[in-house]
C-alpha atoms as a PDB file:
ATOM      1  CA  MET A   1      81.325 -33.714 -33.482  1.00  0.00           C
ATOM      2  CA  HIS A   2      83.566 -31.142 -31.826  1.00  0.00           C
ATOM      3  CA  LYS A   3      85.388 -28.494 -33.856  1.00  0.00           C
ATOM      4  CA  TRP A   4      88.812 -27.038 -33.077  1.00  0.00           C
ATOM      5  CA  ARG A   5      90.597 -23.969 -34.460  1.00  0.00           C
ATOM      6  CA  MET A   6      94.381 -23.694 -34.878  1.00  0.00           C
ATOM      7  CA  VAL A   7      96.654 -20.743 -35.675  1.00  0.00           C
ATOM      8  CA  ILE A   8      99.768 -21.971 -37.469  1.00  0.00           C
ATOM      9  CA  ALA A   9     103.132 -20.487 -38.424  1.00  0.00           C
ATOM     10  CA  TYR A  10     105.546 -22.028 -40.895  1.00  0.00           C
ATOM     11  CA  ASP A  11     108.651 -21.467 -42.957  1.00  0.00           C
ATOM     12  CA  GLY A  12     107.479 -22.611 -46.373  1.00  0.00           C
ATOM     13  CA  THR A  13     110.936 -22.888 -47.956  1.00  0.00           C
ATOM     14  CA  LYS A  14     111.110 -26.663 -48.296  1.00  0.00           C
ATOM     15  CA  PHE A  15     107.392 -27.444 -48.537  1.00  0.00           C
ATOM     16  CA  LYS A  16     105.216 -27.807 -51.630  1.00  0.00           C
ATOM     17  CA  GLY A  17     102.641 -25.362 -50.335  1.00  0.00           C
ATOM     18  CA  TRP A  18      99.693 -25.928 -48.003  1.00  0.00           C
ATOM     19  CA  GLN A  19      97.460 -28.315 -49.952  1.00  0.00           C
ATOM     20  CA  TYR A  20      97.580 -32.012 -49.016  1.00  0.00           C
ATOM     21  CA  GLN A  21      99.300 -34.314 -51.484  1.00  0.00           C
ATOM     22  CA  PRO A  22     100.103 -37.949 -50.623  1.00  0.00           C
ATOM     23  CA  SER A  23     103.805 -38.557 -49.926  1.00  0.00           C
ATOM     24  CA  ILE A  24     104.698 -34.959 -50.834  1.00  0.00           C
ATOM     25  CA  PRO A  25     105.943 -32.558 -48.127  1.00  0.00           C
ATOM     26  CA  THR A  26     103.105 -30.064 -47.715  1.00  0.00           C
ATOM     27  CA  ILE A  27     102.003 -28.204 -44.594  1.00  0.00           C
ATOM     28  CA  GLN A  28      98.607 -29.928 -44.474  1.00  0.00           C
ATOM     29  CA  TYR A  29     100.267 -33.330 -44.893  1.00  0.00           C
ATOM     30  CA  PHE A  30     102.419 -32.887 -41.772  1.00  0.00           C
ATOM     31  CA  LEU A  31      99.591 -31.384 -39.693  1.00  0.00           C
ATOM     32  CA  GLU A  32      97.289 -34.266 -40.561  1.00  0.00           C
ATOM     33  CA  ASP A  33     100.032 -36.798 -39.875  1.00  0.00           C
ATOM     34  CA  ALA A  34     100.514 -35.345 -36.379  1.00  0.00           C
ATOM     35  CA  LEU A  35      96.765 -35.200 -35.682  1.00  0.00           C
ATOM     36  CA  ILE A  36      96.264 -38.800 -36.864  1.00  0.00           C
ATOM     37  CA  CYS A  37      99.013 -39.936 -34.485  1.00  0.00           C
ATOM     38  CA  ILE A  38      97.497 -38.039 -31.523  1.00  0.00           C
ATOM     39  CA  THR A  39      93.765 -38.612 -32.081  1.00  0.00           C
ATOM     40  CA  LYS A  40      93.927 -42.072 -33.763  1.00  0.00           C
ATOM     41  CA  LEU A  41      91.403 -40.757 -36.328  1.00  0.00           C
ATOM     42  CA  ASP A  42      91.813 -40.949 -40.096  1.00  0.00           C
ATOM     43  CA  ARG A  43      92.077 -37.803 -42.222  1.00  0.00           C
ATOM     44  CA  LYS A  44      88.476 -38.053 -43.457  1.00  0.00           C
ATOM     45  CA  LYS A  45      87.147 -37.847 -39.899  1.00  0.00           C
ATOM     46  CA  LEU A  46      89.529 -35.023 -38.980  1.00  0.00           C
ATOM     47  CA  CYS A  47      88.348 -32.901 -41.953  1.00  0.00           C
ATOM     48  CA  LEU A  48      91.291 -30.492 -41.631  1.00  0.00           C
ATOM     49  CA  VAL A  49      90.580 -27.296 -43.604  1.00  0.00           C
ATOM     50  CA  GLY A  50      92.892 -24.295 -44.005  1.00  0.00           C
ATOM     51  CA  ALA A  51      91.883 -20.670 -44.483  1.00  0.00           C
ATOM     52  CA  GLY A  52      94.002 -20.405 -47.611  1.00  0.00           C
ATOM     53  CA  ARG A  53      96.240 -22.505 -49.819  1.00  0.00           C
ATOM     54  CA  THR A  54      99.662 -20.880 -49.725  1.00  0.00           C
ATOM     55  CA  ASP A  55     101.913 -21.900 -52.614  1.00  0.00           C
ATOM     56  CA  THR A  56     105.293 -23.606 -52.677  1.00  0.00           C
ATOM     57  CA  GLY A  57     107.868 -21.518 -50.807  1.00  0.00           C
ATOM     58  CA  VAL A  58     105.351 -19.074 -49.278  1.00  0.00           C
ATOM     59  CA  HIS A  59     105.496 -18.571 -45.492  1.00  0.00           C
ATOM     60  CA  ALA A  60     102.831 -17.952 -42.857  1.00  0.00           C
ATOM     61  CA  TRP A  61     102.686 -16.438 -39.395  1.00  0.00           C
ATOM     62  CA  GLY A  62      98.907 -16.506 -38.978  1.00  0.00           C
ATOM     63  CA  GLN A  63      97.481 -19.332 -41.082  1.00  0.00           C
ATOM     64  CA  VAL A  64      94.203 -20.648 -39.608  1.00  0.00           C
ATOM     65  CA  ALA A  65      92.766 -24.151 -39.882  1.00  0.00           C
ATOM     66  CA  HIS A  66      90.051 -26.200 -38.227  1.00  0.00           C
ATOM     67  CA  PHE A  67      89.563 -29.914 -37.612  1.00  0.00           C
ATOM     68  CA  THR A  68      86.890 -32.074 -35.997  1.00  0.00           C
ATOM     69  CA  THR A  69      86.846 -34.932 -33.478  1.00  0.00           C
ATOM     70  CA  PRO A  70      84.009 -37.118 -32.143  1.00  0.00           C
ATOM     71  CA  PHE A  71      85.234 -36.412 -28.606  1.00  0.00           C
ATOM     72  CA  SER A  72      86.094 -33.328 -26.573  1.00  0.00           C
ATOM     73  CA  TYR A  73      89.147 -32.263 -24.560  1.00  0.00           C
ATOM     74  CA  ARG A  74      89.163 -30.985 -20.980  1.00  0.00           C
ATOM     75  CA  CYS A  75      92.536 -29.284 -21.540  1.00  0.00           C
ATOM     76  CA  LEU A  76      94.199 -28.310 -24.831  1.00  0.00           C
ATOM     77  CA  ASN A  77      97.750 -27.849 -23.545  1.00  0.00           C
ATOM     78  CA  SER A  78      98.602 -31.532 -23.916  1.00  0.00           C
ATOM     79  CA  ILE A  79      97.439 -31.888 -27.522  1.00  0.00           C
ATOM     80  CA  HIS A  80      99.137 -28.567 -28.307  1.00  0.00           C
ATOM     81  CA  SER A  81     102.481 -29.787 -26.921  1.00  0.00           C
ATOM     82  CA  ALA A  82     102.094 -33.136 -28.655  1.00  0.00           C
ATOM     83  CA  MET A  83     101.392 -31.462 -32.010  1.00  0.00           C
ATOM     84  CA  ASN A  84     104.510 -29.310 -31.879  1.00  0.00           C
ATOM     85  CA  GLY A  85     106.546 -32.287 -30.660  1.00  0.00           C
ATOM     86  CA  LEU A  86     105.580 -34.276 -33.760  1.00  0.00           C
ATOM     87  CA  LEU A  87     105.783 -31.506 -36.359  1.00  0.00           C
ATOM     88  CA  PRO A  88     109.013 -30.589 -38.158  1.00  0.00           C
ATOM     89  CA  PRO A  89     110.704 -27.512 -36.652  1.00  0.00           C
ATOM     90  CA  GLU A  90     109.660 -25.336 -39.612  1.00  0.00           C
ATOM     91  CA  ILE A  91     105.977 -25.733 -38.633  1.00  0.00           C
ATOM     92  CA  ARG A  92     104.502 -24.626 -35.306  1.00  0.00           C
ATOM     93  CA  VAL A  93     100.953 -24.484 -33.975  1.00  0.00           C
ATOM     94  CA  ARG A  94     100.767 -21.154 -32.136  1.00  0.00           C
ATOM     95  CA  GLU A  95      97.268 -21.525 -30.724  1.00  0.00           C
ATOM     96  CA  ILE A  96      94.490 -24.116 -30.334  1.00  0.00           C
ATOM     97  CA  SER A  97      90.942 -23.338 -29.225  1.00  0.00           C
ATOM     98  CA  ALA A  98      87.453 -24.804 -29.340  1.00  0.00           C
ATOM     99  CA  ALA A  99      85.377 -23.496 -32.242  1.00  0.00           C
ATOM    100  CA  ARG A 100      81.664 -22.966 -32.720  1.00  0.00           C
ATOM    101  CA  PRO A 101      79.883 -25.448 -35.033  1.00  0.00           C
ATOM    102  CA  GLU A 102      79.247 -22.676 -37.591  1.00  0.00           C
ATOM    103  CA  PHE A 103      82.910 -21.597 -37.699  1.00  0.00           C
ATOM    104  CA  HIS A 104      84.736 -22.487 -40.915  1.00  0.00           C
ATOM    105  CA  ALA A 105      88.393 -21.570 -41.391  1.00  0.00           C
ATOM    106  CA  ARG A 106      87.899 -20.665 -45.050  1.00  0.00           C
ATOM    107  CA  THR A 107      84.304 -19.544 -45.597  1.00  0.00           C
ATOM    108  CA  SER A 108      84.002 -17.541 -42.344  1.00  0.00           C
ATOM    109  CA  THR A 109      86.961 -15.350 -43.277  1.00  0.00           C
ATOM    110  CA  LYS A 110      86.453 -11.580 -43.065  1.00  0.00           C
ATOM    111  CA  SER A 111      89.859 -10.560 -44.450  1.00  0.00           C
ATOM    112  CA  LYS A 112      93.444 -11.726 -44.935  1.00  0.00           C
ATOM    113  CA  VAL A 113      96.700  -9.820 -44.524  1.00  0.00           C
ATOM    114  CA  TYR A 114      99.738 -10.657 -46.654  1.00  0.00           C
ATOM    115  CA  ARG A 115     103.194  -9.134 -46.297  1.00  0.00           C
ATOM    116  CA  TYR A 116     105.917  -9.084 -48.945  1.00  0.00           C
ATOM    117  CA  LYS A 117     109.482  -8.107 -48.014  1.00  0.00           C
ATOM    118  CA  ILE A 118     112.077  -6.675 -50.370  1.00  0.00           C
ATOM    119  CA  TYR A 119     115.716  -6.208 -49.391  1.00  0.00           C
ATOM    120  CA  ASN A 120     116.809  -3.100 -51.272  1.00  0.00           C
ATOM    121  CA  GLU A 121     120.606  -2.892 -51.148  1.00  0.00           C
ATOM    122  CA  ALA A 122     123.412  -3.738 -53.567  1.00  0.00           C
ATOM    123  CA  ILE A 123     124.515  -6.702 -51.423  1.00  0.00           C
ATOM    124  CA  MET A 124     121.937  -9.140 -50.033  1.00  0.00           C
ATOM    125  CA  ASP A 125     121.888  -9.661 -46.278  1.00  0.00           C
ATOM    126  CA  PRO A 126     122.203 -13.463 -45.821  1.00  0.00           C
ATOM    127  CA  PHE A 127     119.958 -13.274 -42.750  1.00  0.00           C
ATOM    128  CA  HIS A 128     117.110 -12.042 -44.994  1.00  0.00           C
ATOM    129  CA  ASN A 129     117.855 -14.459 -47.810  1.00  0.00           C
ATOM    130  CA  ARG A 130     114.978 -16.907 -47.110  1.00  0.00           C
ATOM    131  CA  TYR A 131     112.341 -14.299 -46.284  1.00  0.00           C
ATOM    132  CA  ALA A 132     112.912 -11.303 -48.568  1.00  0.00           C
ATOM    133  CA  TYR A 133     113.332 -10.745 -52.292  1.00  0.00           C
ATOM    134  CA  HIS A 134     116.596  -9.024 -53.199  1.00  0.00           C
ATOM    135  CA  SER A 135     116.400  -5.961 -55.431  1.00  0.00           C
ATOM    136  CA  ALA A 136     119.790  -4.457 -56.225  1.00  0.00           C
ATOM    137  CA  TYR A 137     117.988  -1.680 -58.126  1.00  0.00           C
ATOM    138  CA  LYS A 138     117.287   1.310 -55.881  1.00  0.00           C
ATOM    139  CA  LEU A 139     113.513   1.471 -55.552  1.00  0.00           C
ATOM    140  CA  ASN A 140     111.328   4.539 -55.154  1.00  0.00           C
ATOM    141  CA  PRO A 141     108.954   3.710 -52.251  1.00  0.00           C
ATOM    142  CA  HIS A 142     106.864   6.865 -52.793  1.00  0.00           C
ATOM    143  CA  ALA A 143     106.077   5.884 -56.385  1.00  0.00           C
ATOM    144  CA  MET A 144     105.302   2.348 -55.191  1.00  0.00           C
ATOM    145  CA  GLN A 145     102.874   3.666 -52.568  1.00  0.00           C
ATOM    146  CA  GLU A 146     101.184   5.871 -55.156  1.00  0.00           C
ATOM    147  CA  ALA A 147     100.740   2.847 -57.404  1.00  0.00           C
ATOM    148  CA  ALA A 148      99.588   0.628 -54.502  1.00  0.00           C
ATOM    149  CA  ASN A 149      96.804   3.098 -53.699  1.00  0.00           C
ATOM    150  CA  TYR A 150      95.180   2.288 -57.049  1.00  0.00           C
ATOM    151  CA  PHE A 151      94.645  -1.315 -55.897  1.00  0.00           C
ATOM    152  CA  VAL A 152      92.513  -0.209 -52.932  1.00  0.00           C
ATOM    153  CA  GLY A 153      88.795  -0.704 -53.527  1.00  0.00           C
ATOM    154  CA  THR A 154      86.634  -3.329 -55.202  1.00  0.00           C
ATOM    155  CA  HIS A 155      87.975  -4.420 -58.578  1.00  0.00           C
ATOM    156  CA  ASP A 156      88.004  -7.295 -61.032  1.00  0.00           C
ATOM    157  CA  PHE A 157      91.551  -8.624 -60.608  1.00  0.00           C
ATOM    158  CA  THR A 158      91.575 -10.983 -63.592  1.00  0.00           C
ATOM    159  CA  SER A 159      94.744  -9.270 -64.899  1.00  0.00           C
ATOM    160  CA  PHE A 160      96.596 -10.285 -61.715  1.00  0.00           C
ATOM    161  CA  ALA A 161      95.511 -13.936 -61.469  1.00  0.00           C
ATOM    162  CA  ASN A 162      97.440 -16.898 -62.814  1.00  0.00           C
ATOM    163  CA  ALA A 163      95.487 -19.863 -64.125  1.00  0.00           C
ATOM    164  CA  ALA A 164      94.952 -22.314 -61.239  1.00  0.00           C
ATOM    165  CA  HIS A 165      95.898 -25.974 -61.682  1.00  0.00           C
ATOM    166  CA  ASN A 166      93.488 -27.252 -59.020  1.00  0.00           C
ATOM    167  CA  ASP A 167      89.938 -26.725 -57.801  1.00  0.00           C
ATOM    168  CA  ARG A 168      90.374 -23.167 -56.528  1.00  0.00           C
ATOM    169  CA  GLU A 169      87.305 -20.988 -56.972  1.00  0.00           C
ATOM    170  CA  ARG A 170      87.805 -18.180 -59.451  1.00  0.00           C
ATOM    171  CA  ARG A 171      85.723 -15.169 -58.483  1.00  0.00           C
ATOM    172  CA  PRO A 172      87.760 -12.283 -59.879  1.00  0.00           C
ATOM    173  CA  THR A 173      86.083  -9.407 -58.021  1.00  0.00           C
ATOM    174  CA  LYS A 174      87.842  -8.758 -54.693  1.00  0.00           C
ATOM    175  CA  LYS A 175      87.963  -5.873 -52.239  1.00  0.00           C
ATOM    176  CA  ILE A 176      91.311  -4.518 -51.007  1.00  0.00           C
ATOM    177  CA  THR A 177      91.015  -2.310 -47.933  1.00  0.00           C
ATOM    178  CA  ARG A 178      94.637  -1.194 -47.658  1.00  0.00           C
ATOM    179  CA  PHE A 179      97.987  -1.585 -49.393  1.00  0.00           C
ATOM    180  CA  ASP A 180     100.889  -0.062 -47.434  1.00  0.00           C
ATOM    181  CA  VAL A 181     104.490   0.379 -48.568  1.00  0.00           C
ATOM    182  CA  THR A 182     106.769   0.927 -45.582  1.00  0.00           C
ATOM    183  CA  GLU A 183     110.499   1.672 -45.741  1.00  0.00           C
ATOM    184  CA  MET A 184     112.484   0.194 -42.828  1.00  0.00           C
ATOM    185  CA  GLY A 185     116.137   0.798 -43.544  1.00  0.00           C
ATOM    186  CA  ALA A 186     117.175  -1.570 -46.307  1.00  0.00           C
ATOM    187  CA  VAL A 187     113.865  -3.450 -46.115  1.00  0.00           C
ATOM    188  CA  LEU A 188     110.747  -2.416 -48.021  1.00  0.00           C
ATOM    189  CA  GLN A 189     107.641  -3.975 -46.530  1.00  0.00           C
ATOM    190  CA  LEU A 190     104.526  -4.253 -48.679  1.00  0.00           C
ATOM    191  CA  GLU A 191     101.430  -5.185 -46.671  1.00  0.00           C
ATOM    192  CA  VAL A 192      98.036  -5.734 -48.260  1.00  0.00           C
ATOM    193  CA  GLU A 193      94.682  -6.563 -46.659  1.00  0.00           C
ATOM    194  CA  GLY A 194      91.657  -7.743 -48.575  1.00  0.00           C
ATOM    195  CA  THR A 195      88.547  -9.890 -48.473  1.00  0.00           C
ATOM    196  CA  GLY A 196      90.302 -12.544 -50.526  1.00  0.00           C
ATOM    197  CA  PHE A 197      92.927 -13.043 -53.196  1.00  0.00           C
ATOM    198  CA  LEU A 198      93.132 -14.934 -56.468  1.00  0.00           C
ATOM    199  CA  TYR A 199      95.842 -17.449 -57.291  1.00  0.00           C
ATOM    200  CA  ARG A 200      99.194 -15.591 -57.172  1.00  0.00           C
ATOM    201  CA  GLN A 201      97.423 -12.234 -57.106  1.00  0.00           C
ATOM    202  CA  VAL A 202      99.612 -10.733 -54.368  1.00  0.00           C
ATOM    203  CA  ARG A 203     102.868 -11.803 -56.040  1.00  0.00           C
ATOM    204  CA  ASN A 204     101.659 -10.360 -59.360  1.00  0.00           C
ATOM    205  CA  MET A 205     100.682  -7.052 -57.766  1.00  0.00           C
ATOM    206  CA  VAL A 206     104.096  -6.878 -56.079  1.00  0.00           C
ATOM    207  CA  ALA A 207     105.804  -7.596 -59.412  1.00  0.00           C
ATOM    208  CA  LEU A 208     104.124  -4.560 -60.968  1.00  0.00           C
ATOM    209  CA  LEU A 209     104.991  -2.383 -57.968  1.00  0.00           C
ATOM    210  CA  LEU A 210     108.630  -3.436 -58.350  1.00  0.00           C
ATOM    211  CA  GLN A 211     108.621  -2.132 -61.927  1.00  0.00           C
ATOM    212  CA  VAL A 212     107.095   1.132 -60.705  1.00  0.00           C
ATOM    213  CA  GLY A 213     109.702   1.301 -57.929  1.00  0.00           C
ATOM    214  CA  LYS A 214     112.476   0.956 -60.507  1.00  0.00           C
ATOM    215  CA  GLU A 215     110.775   3.867 -62.324  1.00  0.00           C
ATOM    216  CA  ALA A 216     110.435   1.700 -65.422  1.00  0.00           C
ATOM    217  CA  LEU A 217     106.665   2.289 -65.331  1.00  0.00           C
ATOM    218  CA  PRO A 218     104.469   5.155 -64.039  1.00  0.00           C
ATOM    219  CA  PRO A 219     102.190   4.572 -61.022  1.00  0.00           C
ATOM    220  CA  ASP A 220      99.047   5.077 -63.122  1.00  0.00           C
ATOM    221  CA  ILE A 221      99.841   1.891 -65.077  1.00  0.00           C
ATOM    222  CA  VAL A 222      97.920   0.051 -62.327  1.00  0.00           C
ATOM    223  CA  PRO A 223      94.361   1.175 -63.196  1.00  0.00           C
ATOM    224  CA  ALA A 224      95.054   0.577 -66.879  1.00  0.00           C
ATOM    225  CA  ILE A 225      96.072  -3.041 -66.275  1.00  0.00           C
ATOM    226  CA  ILE A 226      93.169  -3.617 -63.868  1.00  0.00           C
ATOM    227  CA  ALA A 227      90.757  -2.311 -66.530  1.00  0.00           C
ATOM    228  CA  ALA A 228      92.209  -4.639 -69.180  1.00  0.00           C
ATOM    229  CA  ARG A 229      91.038  -7.752 -67.263  1.00  0.00           C
ATOM    230  CA  ASP A 230      93.646  -9.735 -69.143  1.00  0.00           C
ATOM    231  CA  ARG A 231      96.622 -11.513 -67.543  1.00  0.00           C
ATOM    232  CA  LYS A 232      98.564 -11.088 -70.790  1.00  0.00           C
ATOM    233  CA  GLU A 233      98.625  -7.309 -70.308  1.00  0.00           C
ATOM    234  CA  LEU A 234     100.487  -7.676 -67.009  1.00  0.00           C
ATOM    235  CA  ALA A 235     102.821 -10.290 -68.522  1.00  0.00           C
ATOM    236  CA  LYS A 236     104.001  -7.693 -71.062  1.00  0.00           C
ATOM    237  CA  VAL A 237     105.519  -5.521 -68.321  1.00  0.00           C
ATOM    238  CA  ALA A 238     106.148  -7.695 -65.221  1.00  0.00           C
ATOM    239  CA  LEU A 239     106.868 -11.265 -64.164  1.00  0.00           C
ATOM    240  CA  SER A 240     105.480 -12.778 -60.963  1.00  0.00           C
ATOM    241  CA  ALA A 241     107.523 -11.959 -57.839  1.00  0.00           C
ATOM    242  CA  PRO A 242     109.224 -15.013 -56.261  1.00  0.00           C
ATOM    243  CA  PRO A 243     107.396 -16.781 -53.406  1.00  0.00           C
ATOM    244  CA  HIS A 244     109.975 -16.567 -50.594  1.00  0.00           C
ATOM    245  CA  GLY A 245     109.300 -12.872 -49.900  1.00  0.00           C
ATOM    246  CA  LEU A 246     105.612 -13.529 -49.211  1.00  0.00           C
ATOM    247  CA  CYS A 247     104.045 -14.319 -45.837  1.00  0.00           C
ATOM    248  CA  LEU A 248     100.420 -14.791 -44.772  1.00  0.00           C
ATOM    249  CA  MET A 249     100.377 -12.648 -41.641  1.00  0.00           C
ATOM    250  CA  SER A 250      96.823 -13.076 -40.381  1.00  0.00           C
ATOM    251  CA  VAL A 251      93.360 -14.332 -41.208  1.00  0.00           C
ATOM    252  CA  ASN A 252      90.636 -12.199 -39.647  1.00  0.00           C
ATOM    253  CA  TYR A 253      87.115 -13.132 -38.560  1.00  0.00           C
ATOM    254  CA  ASP A 254      84.179 -11.427 -36.879  1.00  0.00           C
ATOM    255  CA  GLU A 255      84.635 -11.524 -33.104  1.00  0.00           C
ATOM    256  CA  GLU A 256      81.270 -13.216 -32.549  1.00  0.00           C
ATOM    257  CA  ILE A 257      82.156 -16.325 -34.551  1.00  0.00           C
ATOM    258  CA  LEU A 258      85.466 -16.686 -32.676  1.00  0.00           C
ATOM    259  CA  LYS A 259      83.752 -16.977 -29.301  1.00  0.00           C
ATOM    260  CA  PRO A 260      84.157 -20.598 -28.112  1.00  0.00           C
ATOM    261  CA  PRO A 261      81.097 -22.653 -27.121  1.00  0.00           C
ATOM    262  CA  GLU A 262      80.044 -22.691 -23.463  1.00  0.00           C
ATOM    263  CA  GLY A 263      81.954 -25.149 -21.313  1.00  0.00           C
ATOM    264  CA  SER A 264      84.910 -25.277 -23.701  1.00  0.00           C
ATOM    265  CA  PRO A 265      88.465 -25.760 -22.406  1.00  0.00           C
ATOM    266  CA  PRO A 266      90.634 -22.611 -22.204  1.00  0.00           C
ATOM    267  CA  ILE A 267      92.529 -21.530 -25.315  1.00  0.00           C
ATOM    268  CA  SER A 268      96.024 -23.001 -25.425  1.00  0.00           C
ATOM    269  CA  PHE A 269      98.870 -20.640 -26.342  1.00  0.00           C
ATOM    270  CA  GLY A 270     101.513 -23.219 -25.464  1.00  0.00           C
ATOM    271  CA  ARG A 271     102.751 -24.512 -22.165  1.00  0.00           C
ATOM    272  CA  ALA A 272     105.371 -22.360 -20.442  1.00  0.00           C
ATOM    273  CA  HIS A 273     108.066 -24.006 -18.318  1.00  0.00           C
ATOM    274  CA  HIS A 274     109.420 -22.432 -15.143  1.00  0.00           C
ATOM    275  CA  LEU A 275     112.219 -23.236 -12.711  1.00  0.00           C
ATOM    276  CA  SER A 276     111.367 -22.782  -9.061  1.00  0.00           C
ATOM    277  CA  LYS A 277     115.050 -22.228  -8.328  1.00  0.00           C
ATOM    278  CA  CYS A 278     118.330 -22.295 -10.187  1.00  0.00           C
ATOM    279  CA  LYS A 279     119.499 -25.862 -10.785  1.00  0.00           C
ATOM    280  CA  LEU A 280     123.021 -24.897 -11.832  1.00  0.00           C
ATOM    281  CA  PRO A 281     125.743 -23.550  -9.543  1.00  0.00           C
ATOM    282  CA  PHE A 282     127.237 -20.137 -10.254  1.00  0.00           C
ATOM    283  CA  TYR A 283     130.994 -19.852 -10.449  1.00  0.00           C
END
């Protein structure tokens, strides 16, 4: 069997998350449908696996997945073009490459980066409406950064995890390496990197930071809620932030495991089209 790695971007607005569900519009459903059409293999043989299961309405710029085929490809540009030709316009495969047999999109992960955007003005910008949460309350980014710093490190994040309704693993201890709050005009960008995240953990952390930003809570509320290890403690002071402001920016791996096997076709970043000369007259 040959293994292939994909980097995928999608607008999650109208999809029911990543996870495959028959006859329900999910990201995995449409990717598998396109691959079945191209390869003539069934979904069991393709074994498509994503690095993470983004929820309904959550976006991605750097989702990673792998699939397998019993045959190889000499060139990946054709399958890449065919995939994007079959997928809905809200989903695009950015990159396809051969993967080593030991590579696994989910279990080989070193870290993930999530970004949450907040539009912080009295009137919402309609061009940010699908990709940023609107806060009409003026937020204090310095207090939010102070609070975000408490998340950095290895902690039991039980207080920030919703109960999962599927087979997600629940290992509450995770390591967060950075949590940055960046002010860019009217947009506040919250970017967090960690070894892994529990179900809705990022949205719950953002919800608490929003309360701190409104100055309804002090920054040092964070370590107190972490120490409680009880989701009910967070629920007393903050609701989960809505999904549309969240985007999976990248999934990171050790460089060694990303090296393709010998003799593999070149990585496909998409086929560029060029005109040798202008086909239209100038007036």
